[in-house]
Each structure stands twice: as structure tokens, then as C-alpha cells.
């Protein structure tokens, strides 16, 4: 604590912690900075509340994707510039932020 309201910053799963802190202690939080936010734990907690028949698909997908050969094959199918562009366009509010310069499927820019 810094003794006065502050901005909280979190990376990956740390984003969940800072968002919860903001909910629990709103008088101490001016805002949050979420970097590379991972909401997997929230998703898994929510899945736990679903009926068993609605959880089957995600459970099955996780089992399949643990196989390295299958995971690599599926990644190669998804790691195509047009597919990555389509996904990024869903994430970015400004379409001009998505350009061929920031789409890399080979690990190189």
C-alpha cells in the first residue's frame, strides 16, 4: 500500500488479482492496467458452474490438445496470416491497428 489511491498493474494471470482488488477495494484503486490478460481461471470457475453436458466440449478439447502432434497440427492450421488478422480484428477496436507488419505466424516480424 502506498497510503493513497493508486493505479494497479498486472500481467497475465496477475490481471485477475488486480481486477478483484479493484472490486473489493474501489476506494483504493484509481484504475487498472491489464497487460496480456489471462482470464483462464475465471473461465474455468464459470465452467464449474455449468451442467456436466455443457462442460464436455471444453474438457474434450483440452484432452486432445495435450497431444503435442495434434496441438502442433492445429496450430499450423490456425497460424495463417489471414486467420491471425481475423482474430486480431475481433480484439482491436481500431482496424488500422492490425497491419501486415504486426501479424507474424513464423515467430518473426
PDB file of N, CA and C in Angstrom:
ATOM      1  N   UNK A   1       0.837  -1.185   0.000  1.00  0.00           N
ATOM      2  CA  UNK A   1       0.000   0.000   0.000  1.00  0.00           C
ATOM      3  C   UNK A   1       0.881   1.247   0.000  1.00  0.00           C
ATOM      4  N   UNK A   2       0.462   2.215  -0.747  1.00  0.00           N
ATOM      5  CA  UNK A   2       1.217   3.464  -0.837  1.00  0.00           C
ATOM      6  C   UNK A   2       0.593   4.570   0.012  1.00  0.00           C
ATOM      7  N   UNK A   3      -0.480   4.245   0.715  1.00  0.00           N
ATOM      8  CA  UNK A   3      -1.092   5.224   1.607  1.00  0.00           C
ATOM      9  C   UNK A   3      -2.123   6.124   0.958  1.00  0.00           C
ATOM     10  N   UNK A   4      -2.352   5.934  -0.322  1.00  0.00           N
ATOM     11  CA  UNK A   4      -3.360   6.712  -1.034  1.00  0.00           C
ATOM     12  C   UNK A   4      -3.825   5.894  -2.238  1.00  0.00           C
ATOM     13  N   UNK A   5      -4.951   6.252  -2.848  1.00  0.00           N
ATOM     14  CA  UNK A   5      -5.425   5.507  -4.019  1.00  0.00           C
ATOM     15  C   UNK A   5      -4.353   5.473  -5.109  1.00  0.00           C
ATOM     16  N   UNK A   6      -4.304   4.343  -5.820  1.00  0.00           N
ATOM     17  CA  UNK A   6      -3.263   4.151  -6.834  1.00  0.00           C
ATOM     18  C   UNK A   6      -3.813   3.357  -8.010  1.00  0.00           C
ATOM     19  N   UNK A   7      -3.056   3.382  -9.090  1.00  0.00           N
ATOM     20  CA  UNK A   7      -3.342   2.531 -10.239  1.00  0.00           C
ATOM     21  C   UNK A   7      -2.699   1.176  -9.974  1.00  0.00           C
ATOM     22  N   UNK A   8      -3.387   0.117 -10.351  1.00  0.00           N
ATOM     23  CA  UNK A   8      -2.847  -1.234 -10.205  1.00  0.00           C
ATOM     24  C   UNK A   8      -2.494  -1.768 -11.590  1.00  0.00           C
ATOM     25  N   UNK A   9      -1.353  -2.434 -11.691  1.00  0.00           N
ATOM     26  CA  UNK A   9      -0.928  -3.024 -12.957  1.00  0.00           C
ATOM     27  C   UNK A   9      -0.727  -4.513 -12.752  1.00  0.00           C
ATOM     28  N   UNK A  10      -1.160  -5.293 -13.731  1.00  0.00           N
ATOM     29  CA  UNK A  10      -0.982  -6.732 -13.660  1.00  0.00           C
ATOM     30  C   UNK A  10      -0.663  -7.299 -15.027  1.00  0.00           C
ATOM     31  N   UNK A  11       0.035  -8.413 -15.026  1.00  0.00           N
ATOM     32  CA  UNK A  11       0.394  -9.100 -16.265  1.00  0.00           C
ATOM     33  C   UNK A  11      -0.141 -10.528 -16.201  1.00  0.00           C
ATOM     34  N   UNK A  12      -0.727 -10.987 -17.290  1.00  0.00           N
ATOM     35  CA  UNK A  12      -1.231 -12.355 -17.423  1.00  0.00           C
ATOM     36  C   UNK A  12      -2.248 -12.651 -16.323  1.00  0.00           C
ATOM     37  N   UNK A  13      -2.013 -13.685 -15.548  1.00  0.00           N
ATOM     38  CA  UNK A  13      -2.973 -14.069 -14.515  1.00  0.00           C
ATOM     39  C   UNK A  13      -3.029 -13.022 -13.395  1.00  0.00           C
ATOM     40  N   UNK A  14      -1.988 -12.184 -13.277  1.00  0.00           N
ATOM     41  CA  UNK A  14      -1.998 -11.093 -12.302  1.00  0.00           C
ATOM     42  C   UNK A  14      -3.124 -10.103 -12.551  1.00  0.00           C
ATOM     43  N   UNK A  15      -3.619 -10.066 -13.783  1.00  0.00           N
ATOM     44  CA  UNK A  15      -4.746  -9.186 -14.104  1.00  0.00           C
ATOM     45  C   UNK A  15      -5.983  -9.571 -13.317  1.00  0.00           C
ATOM     46  N   UNK A  16      -6.161 -10.858 -13.092  1.00  0.00           N
ATOM     47  CA  UNK A  16      -7.314 -11.304 -12.311  1.00  0.00           C
ATOM     48  C   UNK A  16      -7.202 -10.766 -10.890  1.00  0.00           C
ATOM     49  N   UNK A  17      -5.998 -10.800 -10.330  1.00  0.00           N
ATOM     50  CA  UNK A  17      -5.784 -10.321  -8.957  1.00  0.00           C
ATOM     51  C   UNK A  17      -6.064  -8.822  -8.850  1.00  0.00           C
ATOM     52  N   UNK A  18      -5.574  -8.037  -9.805  1.00  0.00           N
ATOM     53  CA  UNK A  18      -5.802  -6.587  -9.696  1.00  0.00           C
ATOM     54  C   UNK A  18      -7.259  -6.228  -9.949  1.00  0.00           C
ATOM     55  N   UNK A  19      -7.929  -6.970 -10.828  1.00  0.00           N
ATOM     56  CA  UNK A  19      -9.354  -6.695 -11.055  1.00  0.00           C
ATOM     57  C   UNK A  19     -10.163  -7.029  -9.808  1.00  0.00           C
ATOM     58  N   UNK A  20      -9.803  -8.126  -9.119  1.00  0.00           N
ATOM     59  CA  UNK A  20     -10.507  -8.480  -7.895  1.00  0.00           C
ATOM     60  C   UNK A  20     -10.238  -7.437  -6.815  1.00  0.00           C
ATOM     61  N   UNK A  21      -8.985  -6.966  -6.734  1.00  0.00           N
ATOM     62  CA  UNK A  21      -8.656  -5.920  -5.755  1.00  0.00           C
ATOM     63  C   UNK A  21      -9.471  -4.660  -6.036  1.00  0.00           C
ATOM     64  N   UNK A  22      -9.640  -4.320  -7.311  1.00  0.00           N
ATOM     65  CA  UNK A  22     -10.430  -3.132  -7.671  1.00  0.00           C
ATOM     66  C   UNK A  22     -11.891  -3.288  -7.268  1.00  0.00           C
ATOM     67  N   UNK A  23     -12.407  -4.510  -7.380  1.00  0.00           N
ATOM     68  CA  UNK A  23     -13.791  -4.771  -6.979  1.00  0.00           C
ATOM     69  C   UNK A  23     -13.922  -4.724  -5.461  1.00  0.00           C
ATOM     70  N   UNK A  24     -12.962  -5.360  -4.765  1.00  0.00           N
ATOM     71  CA  UNK A  24     -13.027  -5.436  -3.304  1.00  0.00           C
ATOM     72  C   UNK A  24     -12.707  -4.116  -2.607  1.00  0.00           C
ATOM     73  N   UNK A  25     -11.822  -3.314  -3.184  1.00  0.00           N
ATOM     74  CA  UNK A  25     -11.361  -2.072  -2.550  1.00  0.00           C
ATOM     75  C   UNK A  25     -11.437  -0.896  -3.520  1.00  0.00           C
ATOM     76  N   UNK A  26     -12.608  -0.549  -4.003  1.00  0.00           N
ATOM     77  CA  UNK A  26     -12.719   0.506  -5.021  1.00  0.00           C
ATOM     78  C   UNK A  26     -12.214   1.866  -4.546  1.00  0.00           C
ATOM     79  N   UNK A  27     -12.259   2.139  -3.259  1.00  0.00           N
ATOM     80  CA  UNK A  27     -11.789   3.438  -2.758  1.00  0.00           C
ATOM     81  C   UNK A  27     -10.271   3.570  -2.841  1.00  0.00           C
ATOM     82  N   UNK A  28      -9.548   2.451  -2.976  1.00  0.00           N
ATOM     83  CA  UNK A  28      -8.090   2.483  -3.029  1.00  0.00           C
ATOM     84  C   UNK A  28      -7.549   2.392  -4.452  1.00  0.00           C
ATOM     85  N   UNK A  29      -8.429   2.220  -5.431  1.00  0.00           N
ATOM     86  CA  UNK A  29      -7.969   1.970  -6.797  1.00  0.00           C
ATOM     87  C   UNK A  29      -8.448   3.080  -7.733  1.00  0.00           C
ATOM     88  N   UNK A  30      -7.480   3.746  -8.368  1.00  0.00           N
ATOM     89  CA  UNK A  30      -7.802   4.778  -9.360  1.00  0.00           C
ATOM     90  C   UNK A  30      -8.117   4.153 -10.715  1.00  0.00           C
ATOM     91  N   UNK A  31      -7.515   3.008 -10.993  1.00  0.00           N
ATOM     92  CA  UNK A  31      -7.715   2.327 -12.263  1.00  0.00           C
ATOM     93  C   UNK A  31      -6.818   1.104 -12.339  1.00  0.00           C
ATOM     94  N   UNK A  32      -7.023   0.322 -13.372  1.00  0.00           N
ATOM     95  CA  UNK A  32      -6.200  -0.870 -13.561  1.00  0.00           C
ATOM     96  C   UNK A  32      -5.555  -0.844 -14.945  1.00  0.00           C
ATOM     97  N   UNK A  33      -4.368  -1.432 -15.006  1.00  0.00           N
ATOM     98  CA  UNK A  33      -3.647  -1.614 -16.262  1.00  0.00           C
ATOM     99  C   UNK A  33      -3.473  -3.115 -16.414  1.00  0.00           C
ATOM    100  N   UNK A  34      -4.168  -3.692 -17.386  1.00  0.00           N
ATOM    101  CA  UNK A  34      -4.130  -5.134 -17.609  1.00  0.00           C
ATOM    102  C   UNK A  34      -3.281  -5.417 -18.849  1.00  0.00           C
ATOM    103  N   UNK A  35      -2.169  -6.097 -18.660  1.00  0.00           N
ATOM    104  CA  UNK A  35      -1.239  -6.408 -19.746  1.00  0.00           C
ATOM    105  C   UNK A  35      -1.301  -7.907 -20.008  1.00  0.00           C
ATOM    106  N   UNK A  36      -1.570  -8.283 -21.252  1.00  0.00           N
ATOM    107  CA  UNK A  36      -1.603  -9.691 -21.631  1.00  0.00           C
ATOM    108  C   UNK A  36      -2.523 -10.475 -20.695  1.00  0.00           C
ATOM    109  N   UNK A  37      -3.716  -9.985 -20.543  1.00  0.00           N
ATOM    110  CA  UNK A  37      -4.662 -10.508 -19.560  1.00  0.00           C
ATOM    111  C   UNK A  37      -5.060 -11.953 -19.836  1.00  0.00           C
ATOM    112  N   UNK A  38      -4.915 -12.794 -18.832  1.00  0.00           N
ATOM    113  CA  UNK A  38      -5.336 -14.191 -18.927  1.00  0.00           C
ATOM    114  C   UNK A  38      -6.518 -14.402 -17.995  1.00  0.00           C
ATOM    115  N   UNK A  39      -7.652 -14.726 -18.582  1.00  0.00           N
ATOM    116  CA  UNK A  39      -8.856 -14.936 -17.775  1.00  0.00           C
ATOM    117  C   UNK A  39      -9.204 -16.423 -17.671  1.00  0.00           C
ATOM    118  N   UNK A  40      -8.218 -17.274 -17.915  1.00  0.00           N
ATOM    119  CA  UNK A  40      -8.477 -18.713 -17.912  1.00  0.00           C
ATOM    120  C   UNK A  40      -9.077 -19.191 -16.597  1.00  0.00           C
ATOM    121  N   UNK A  41      -8.555 -18.711 -15.461  1.00  0.00           N
ATOM    122  CA  UNK A  41      -9.097 -19.162 -14.181  1.00  0.00           C
ATOM    123  C   UNK A  41     -10.546 -18.751 -14.013  1.00  0.00           C
ATOM    124  N   UNK A  42     -10.895 -17.549 -14.457  1.00  0.00           N
ATOM    125  CA  UNK A  42     -12.293 -17.136 -14.377  1.00  0.00           C
ATOM    126  C   UNK A  42     -13.156 -18.022 -15.270  1.00  0.00           C
ATOM    127  N   UNK A  43     -12.640 -18.344 -16.447  1.00  0.00           N
ATOM    128  CA  UNK A  43     -13.369 -19.210 -17.366  1.00  0.00           C
ATOM    129  C   UNK A  43     -13.567 -20.594 -16.744  1.00  0.00           C
ATOM    130  N   UNK A  44     -12.517 -21.141 -16.138  1.00  0.00           N
ATOM    131  CA  UNK A  44     -12.637 -22.468 -15.529  1.00  0.00           C
ATOM    132  C   UNK A  44     -13.595 -22.456 -14.342  1.00  0.00           C
ATOM    133  N   UNK A  45     -13.582 -21.393 -13.570  1.00  0.00           N
ATOM    134  CA  UNK A  45     -14.514 -21.289 -12.434  1.00  0.00           C
ATOM    135  C   UNK A  45     -15.947 -21.243 -12.953  1.00  0.00           C
ATOM    136  N   UNK A  46     -16.172 -20.481 -14.011  1.00  0.00           N
ATOM    137  CA  UNK A  46     -17.506 -20.380 -14.602  1.00  0.00           C
ATOM    138  C   UNK A  46     -17.934 -21.735 -15.167  1.00  0.00           C
ATOM    139  N   UNK A  47     -16.990 -22.428 -15.821  1.00  0.00           N
ATOM    140  CA  UNK A  47     -17.308 -23.754 -16.360  1.00  0.00           C
ATOM    141  C   UNK A  47     -17.741 -24.710 -15.263  1.00  0.00           C
ATOM    142  N   UNK A  48     -17.162 -24.556 -14.072  1.00  0.00           N
ATOM    143  CA  UNK A  48     -17.529 -25.425 -12.957  1.00  0.00           C
ATOM    144  C   UNK A  48     -18.980 -25.286 -12.541  1.00  0.00           C
ATOM    145  N   UNK A  49     -19.592 -24.167 -12.887  1.00  0.00           N
ATOM    146  CA  UNK A  49     -20.989 -23.920 -12.539  1.00  0.00           C
ATOM    147  C   UNK A  49     -21.959 -24.439 -13.598  1.00  0.00           C
ATOM    148  N   UNK A  50     -21.424 -24.846 -14.755  1.00  0.00           N
ATOM    149  CA  UNK A  50     -22.277 -25.320 -15.841  1.00  0.00           C
ATOM    150  C   UNK A  50     -22.689 -26.773 -15.615  1.00  0.00           C
ATOM    151  N   UNK A  51     -23.802 -27.195 -16.177  1.00  0.00           N
ATOM    152  CA  UNK A  51     -24.180 -28.611 -16.108  1.00  0.00           C
ATOM    153  C   UNK A  51     -23.117 -29.458 -16.821  1.00  0.00           C
ATOM    154  N   UNK A  52     -22.963 -30.703 -16.417  1.00  0.00           N
ATOM    155  CA  UNK A  52     -21.902 -31.571 -16.941  1.00  0.00           C
ATOM    156  C   UNK A  52     -21.926 -31.662 -18.461  1.00  0.00           C
ATOM    157  N   UNK A  53     -23.092 -31.702 -19.064  1.00  0.00           N
ATOM    158  CA  UNK A  53     -23.181 -31.871 -20.515  1.00  0.00           C
ATOM    159  C   UNK A  53     -22.691 -30.645 -21.280  1.00  0.00           C
ATOM    160  N   UNK A  54     -22.667 -29.470 -20.638  1.00  0.00           N
ATOM    161  CA  UNK A  54     -22.148 -28.266 -21.293  1.00  0.00           C
ATOM    162  C   UNK A  54     -20.644 -28.134 -21.117  1.00  0.00           C
ATOM    163  N   UNK A  55     -20.052 -28.915 -20.201  1.00  0.00           N
ATOM    164  CA  UNK A  55     -18.609 -28.869 -19.976  1.00  0.00           C
ATOM    165  C   UNK A  55     -17.857 -29.851 -20.853  1.00  0.00           C
ATOM    166  N   UNK A  56     -18.542 -30.800 -21.444  1.00  0.00           N
ATOM    167  CA  UNK A  56     -17.877 -31.870 -22.191  1.00  0.00           C
ATOM    168  C   UNK A  56     -16.993 -31.365 -23.328  1.00  0.00           C
ATOM    169  N   UNK A  57     -17.464 -30.403 -24.077  1.00  0.00           N
ATOM    170  CA  UNK A  57     -16.702 -29.918 -25.228  1.00  0.00           C
ATOM    171  C   UNK A  57     -15.342 -29.363 -24.842  1.00  0.00           C
ATOM    172  N   UNK A  58     -15.310 -28.504 -23.832  1.00  0.00           N
ATOM    173  CA  UNK A  58     -14.044 -27.903 -23.406  1.00  0.00           C
ATOM    174  C   UNK A  58     -13.124 -28.953 -22.793  1.00  0.00           C
ATOM    175  N   UNK A  59     -13.679 -29.858 -22.001  1.00  0.00           N
ATOM    176  CA  UNK A  59     -12.860 -30.922 -21.405  1.00  0.00           C
ATOM    177  C   UNK A  59     -12.242 -31.793 -22.491  1.00  0.00           C
ATOM    178  N   UNK A  60     -13.033 -32.155 -23.486  1.00  0.00           N
ATOM    179  CA  UNK A  60     -12.553 -32.982 -24.592  1.00  0.00           C
ATOM    180  C   UNK A  60     -11.458 -32.248 -25.369  1.00  0.00           C
ATOM    181  N   UNK A  61     -11.662 -30.963 -25.638  1.00  0.00           N
ATOM    182  CA  UNK A  61     -10.666 -30.171 -26.373  1.00  0.00           C
ATOM    183  C   UNK A  61      -9.350 -30.105 -25.607  1.00  0.00           C
ATOM    184  N   UNK A  62      -9.403 -29.947 -24.294  1.00  0.00           N
ATOM    185  CA  UNK A  62      -8.176 -29.890 -23.505  1.00  0.00           C
ATOM    186  C   UNK A  62      -7.432 -31.225 -23.549  1.00  0.00           C
ATOM    187  N   UNK A  63      -8.154 -32.314 -23.505  1.00  0.00           N
ATOM    188  CA  UNK A  63      -7.516 -33.632 -23.584  1.00  0.00           C
ATOM    189  C   UNK A  63      -6.839 -33.816 -24.937  1.00  0.00           C
ATOM    190  N   UNK A  64      -7.540 -33.477 -26.003  1.00  0.00           N
ATOM    191  CA  UNK A  64      -6.993 -33.614 -27.359  1.00  0.00           C
ATOM    192  C   UNK A  64      -5.768 -32.732 -27.548  1.00  0.00           C
ATOM    193  N   UNK A  65      -5.836 -31.487 -27.096  1.00  0.00           N
ATOM    194  CA  UNK A  65      -4.754 -30.543 -27.316  1.00  0.00           C
ATOM    195  C   UNK A  65      -3.504 -30.848 -26.494  1.00  0.00           C
ATOM    196  N   UNK A  66      -3.615 -31.713 -25.495  1.00  0.00           N
ATOM    197  CA  UNK A  66      -2.429 -32.128 -24.743  1.00  0.00           C
ATOM    198  C   UNK A  66      -1.517 -33.011 -25.585  1.00  0.00           C
ATOM    199  N   UNK A  67      -2.060 -33.607 -26.633  1.00  0.00           N
ATOM    200  CA  UNK A  67      -1.251 -34.397 -27.560  1.00  0.00           C
ATOM    201  C   UNK A  67      -0.448 -33.422 -28.415  1.00  0.00           C
ATOM    202  N   UNK A  68       0.900 -33.482 -28.318  1.00  0.00           N
ATOM    203  CA  UNK A  68       1.749 -32.497 -28.995  1.00  0.00           C
ATOM    204  C   UNK A  68       1.579 -32.523 -30.509  1.00  0.00           C
ATOM    205  N   UNK A  69       1.434 -33.680 -31.097  1.00  0.00           N
ATOM    206  CA  UNK A  69       1.295 -33.763 -32.554  1.00  0.00           C
ATOM    207  C   UNK A  69      -0.012 -33.101 -33.007  1.00  0.00           C
ATOM    208  N   UNK A  70      -1.094 -33.380 -32.291  1.00  0.00           N
ATOM    209  CA  UNK A  70      -2.387 -32.783 -32.646  1.00  0.00           C
ATOM    210  C   UNK A  70      -2.347 -31.276 -32.415  1.00  0.00           C
ATOM    211  N   UNK A  71      -1.788 -30.857 -31.280  1.00  0.00           N
ATOM    212  CA  UNK A  71      -1.687 -29.434 -30.986  1.00  0.00           C
ATOM    213  C   UNK A  71      -0.859 -28.702 -32.031  1.00  0.00           C
ATOM    214  N   UNK A  72       0.268 -29.288 -32.444  1.00  0.00           N
ATOM    215  CA  UNK A  72       1.118 -28.653 -33.466  1.00  0.00           C
ATOM    216  C   UNK A  72       0.380 -28.565 -34.796  1.00  0.00           C
ATOM    217  N   UNK A  73      -0.323 -29.619 -35.153  1.00  0.00           N
ATOM    218  CA  UNK A  73      -1.083 -29.612 -36.408  1.00  0.00           C
ATOM    219  C   UNK A  73      -2.149 -28.513 -36.397  1.00  0.00           C
ATOM    220  N   UNK A  74      -2.915 -28.438 -35.319  1.00  0.00           N
ATOM    221  CA  UNK A  74      -3.965 -27.424 -35.228  1.00  0.00           C
ATOM    222  C   UNK A  74      -3.370 -26.017 -35.215  1.00  0.00           C
ATOM    223  N   UNK A  75      -2.230 -25.849 -34.524  1.00  0.00           N
ATOM    224  CA  UNK A  75      -1.578 -24.544 -34.520  1.00  0.00           C
ATOM    225  C   UNK A  75      -1.190 -24.134 -35.937  1.00  0.00           C
ATOM    226  N   UNK A  76      -0.633 -25.075 -36.712  1.00  0.00           N
ATOM    227  CA  UNK A  76      -0.244 -24.756 -38.083  1.00  0.00           C
ATOM    228  C   UNK A  76      -1.452 -24.362 -38.936  1.00  0.00           C
ATOM    229  N   UNK A  77      -2.604 -24.951 -38.649  1.00  0.00           N
ATOM    230  CA  UNK A  77      -3.808 -24.597 -39.386  1.00  0.00           C
ATOM    231  C   UNK A  77      -4.287 -23.187 -39.037  1.00  0.00           C
ATOM    232  N   UNK A  78      -4.104 -22.813 -37.780  1.00  0.00           N
ATOM    233  CA  UNK A  78      -4.562 -21.507 -37.320  1.00  0.00           C
ATOM    234  C   UNK A  78      -3.530 -20.419 -37.606  1.00  0.00           C
ATOM    235  N   UNK A  79      -2.260 -20.762 -37.567  1.00  0.00           N
ATOM    236  CA  UNK A  79      -1.176 -19.779 -37.719  1.00  0.00           C
ATOM    237  C   UNK A  79      -0.998 -19.376 -39.178  1.00  0.00           C
ATOM    238  N   UNK A  80      -2.041 -18.860 -39.748  1.00  0.00           N
ATOM    239  CA  UNK A  80      -2.026 -18.344 -41.119  1.00  0.00           C
ATOM    240  C   UNK A  80      -2.322 -16.849 -41.041  1.00  0.00           C
ATOM    241  N   UNK A  81      -1.635 -16.042 -41.840  1.00  0.00           N
ATOM    242  CA  UNK A  81      -1.825 -14.587 -41.732  1.00  0.00           C
ATOM    243  C   UNK A  81      -3.287 -14.142 -41.753  1.00  0.00           C
ATOM    244  N   UNK A  82      -4.102 -14.689 -42.628  1.00  0.00           N
ATOM    245  CA  UNK A  82      -5.495 -14.242 -42.702  1.00  0.00           C
ATOM    246  C   UNK A  82      -6.272 -14.631 -41.445  1.00  0.00           C
ATOM    247  N   UNK A  83      -5.989 -15.814 -40.890  1.00  0.00           N
ATOM    248  CA  UNK A  83      -6.661 -16.245 -39.665  1.00  0.00           C
ATOM    249  C   UNK A  83      -6.258 -15.350 -38.505  1.00  0.00           C
ATOM    250  N   UNK A  84      -4.956 -15.077 -38.382  1.00  0.00           N
ATOM    251  CA  UNK A  84      -4.466 -14.207 -37.313  1.00  0.00           C
ATOM    252  C   UNK A  84      -5.077 -12.813 -37.459  1.00  0.00           C
ATOM    253  N   UNK A  85      -5.142 -12.318 -38.673  1.00  0.00           N
ATOM    254  CA  UNK A  85      -5.740 -10.997 -38.917  1.00  0.00           C
ATOM    255  C   UNK A  85      -7.203 -10.971 -38.473  1.00  0.00           C
ATOM    256  N   UNK A  86      -7.949 -12.004 -38.810  1.00  0.00           N
ATOM    257  CA  UNK A  86      -9.364 -12.079 -38.420  1.00  0.00           C
ATOM    258  C   UNK A  86      -9.511 -12.060 -36.908  1.00  0.00           C
ATOM    259  N   UNK A  87      -8.657 -12.798 -36.212  1.00  0.00           N
ATOM    260  CA  UNK A  87      -8.709 -12.840 -34.742  1.00  0.00           C
ATOM    261  C   UNK A  87      -8.348 -11.475 -34.160  1.00  0.00           C
ATOM    262  N   UNK A  88      -7.286 -10.854 -34.691  1.00  0.00           N
ATOM    263  CA  UNK A  88      -6.872  -9.548 -34.183  1.00  0.00           C
ATOM    264  C   UNK A  88      -7.939  -8.484 -34.426  1.00  0.00           C
ATOM    265  N   UNK A  89      -8.622  -8.567 -35.553  1.00  0.00           N
ATOM    266  CA  UNK A  89      -9.674  -7.585 -35.834  1.00  0.00           C
ATOM    267  C   UNK A  89     -10.822  -7.686 -34.830  1.00  0.00           C
ATOM    268  N   UNK A  90     -11.001  -8.857 -34.236  1.00  0.00           N
ATOM    269  CA  UNK A  90     -12.022  -9.004 -33.201  1.00  0.00           C
ATOM    270  C   UNK A  90     -11.556  -8.393 -31.885  1.00  0.00           C
ATOM    271  N   UNK A  91     -10.226  -8.364 -31.669  1.00  0.00           N
ATOM    272  CA  UNK A  91      -9.683  -7.887 -30.400  1.00  0.00           C
ATOM    273  C   UNK A  91      -9.431  -6.385 -30.380  1.00  0.00           C
ATOM    274  N   UNK A  92      -9.077  -5.809 -31.531  1.00  0.00           N
ATOM    275  CA  UNK A  92      -8.734  -4.393 -31.587  1.00  0.00           C
ATOM    276  C   UNK A  92      -9.927  -3.567 -32.029  1.00  0.00           C
ATOM    277  N   UNK A  93     -10.141  -2.482 -31.344  1.00  0.00           N
ATOM    278  CA  UNK A  93     -11.247  -1.587 -31.683  1.00  0.00           C
ATOM    279  C   UNK A  93     -10.979  -0.868 -33.009  1.00  0.00           C
ATOM    280  N   UNK A  94      -9.723  -0.487 -33.225  1.00  0.00           N
ATOM    281  CA  UNK A  94      -9.350   0.231 -34.441  1.00  0.00           C
ATOM    282  C   UNK A  94      -8.737  -0.747 -35.438  1.00  0.00           C
ATOM    283  N   UNK A  95      -9.385  -0.953 -36.565  1.00  0.00           N
ATOM    284  CA  UNK A  95      -8.892  -1.919 -37.552  1.00  0.00           C
ATOM    285  C   UNK A  95      -7.544  -1.505 -38.126  1.00  0.00           C
ATOM    286  N   UNK A  96      -7.237  -0.212 -38.140  1.00  0.00           N
ATOM    287  CA  UNK A  96      -5.942   0.215 -38.669  1.00  0.00           C
ATOM    288  C   UNK A  96      -4.778  -0.214 -37.769  1.00  0.00           C
ATOM    289  N   UNK A  97      -5.082  -0.640 -36.538  1.00  0.00           N
ATOM    290  CA  UNK A  97      -4.034  -1.140 -35.639  1.00  0.00           C
ATOM    291  C   UNK A  97      -3.548  -2.519 -36.078  1.00  0.00           C
ATOM    292  N   UNK A  98      -4.308  -3.177 -36.935  1.00  0.00           N
ATOM    293  CA  UNK A  98      -3.937  -4.503 -37.428  1.00  0.00           C
ATOM    294  C   UNK A  98      -3.393  -4.346 -38.840  1.00  0.00           C
ATOM    295  N   UNK A  99      -2.106  -4.599 -38.973  1.00  0.00           N
ATOM    296  CA  UNK A  99      -1.486  -4.477 -40.291  1.00  0.00           C
ATOM    297  C   UNK A  99      -0.604  -5.692 -40.553  1.00  0.00           C
ATOM    298  N   UNK A 100      -0.139  -5.815 -41.758  1.00  0.00           N
ATOM    299  CA  UNK A 100       0.726  -6.953 -42.092  1.00  0.00           C
ATOM    300  C   UNK A 100       2.024  -6.901 -41.304  1.00  0.00           C
ATOM    301  N   UNK A 101       2.391  -5.732 -40.789  1.00  0.00           N
ATOM    302  CA  UNK A 101       3.634  -5.584 -40.033  1.00  0.00           C
ATOM    303  C   UNK A 101       3.531  -6.158 -38.623  1.00  0.00           C
ATOM    304  N   UNK A 102       2.332  -6.244 -38.063  1.00  0.00           N
ATOM    305  CA  UNK A 102       2.216  -6.792 -36.713  1.00  0.00           C
ATOM    306  C   UNK A 102       1.568  -8.167 -36.700  1.00  0.00           C
ATOM    307  N   UNK A 103       1.487  -8.804 -37.864  1.00  0.00           N
ATOM    308  CA  UNK A 103       0.986 -10.172 -37.943  1.00  0.00           C
ATOM    309  C   UNK A 103       2.167 -11.056 -38.319  1.00  0.00           C
ATOM    310  N   UNK A 104       2.516 -11.949 -37.420  1.00  0.00           N
ATOM    311  CA  UNK A 104       3.622 -12.854 -37.680  1.00  0.00           C
ATOM    312  C   UNK A 104       3.205 -14.266 -37.309  1.00  0.00           C
ATOM    313  N   UNK A 105       3.315 -15.187 -38.237  1.00  0.00           N
ATOM    314  CA  UNK A 105       2.942 -16.566 -37.971  1.00  0.00           C
ATOM    315  C   UNK A 105       4.163 -17.467 -37.859  1.00  0.00           C
ATOM    316  N   UNK A 106       5.318 -16.934 -38.111  1.00  0.00           N
ATOM    317  CA  UNK A 106       6.530 -17.751 -38.079  1.00  0.00           C
ATOM    318  C   UNK A 106       7.377 -17.463 -36.850  1.00  0.00           C
ATOM    319  N   UNK A 107       6.929 -16.539 -36.007  1.00  0.00           N
ATOM    320  CA  UNK A 107       7.730 -16.145 -34.858  1.00  0.00           C
ATOM    321  C   UNK A 107       8.647 -14.975 -35.194  1.00  0.00           C
ATOM    322  N   UNK A 108       8.632 -14.516 -36.440  1.00  0.00           N
ATOM    323  CA  UNK A 108       9.455 -13.386 -36.866  1.00  0.00           C
ATOM    324  C   UNK A 108       8.543 -12.254 -37.295  1.00  0.00           C
ATOM    325  N   UNK A 109       8.968 -11.033 -37.077  1.00  0.00           N
ATOM    326  CA  UNK A 109       8.208  -9.859 -37.534  1.00  0.00           C
ATOM    327  C   UNK A 109       8.820  -9.332 -38.787  1.00  0.00           C
TER     328      UNK A 109
END
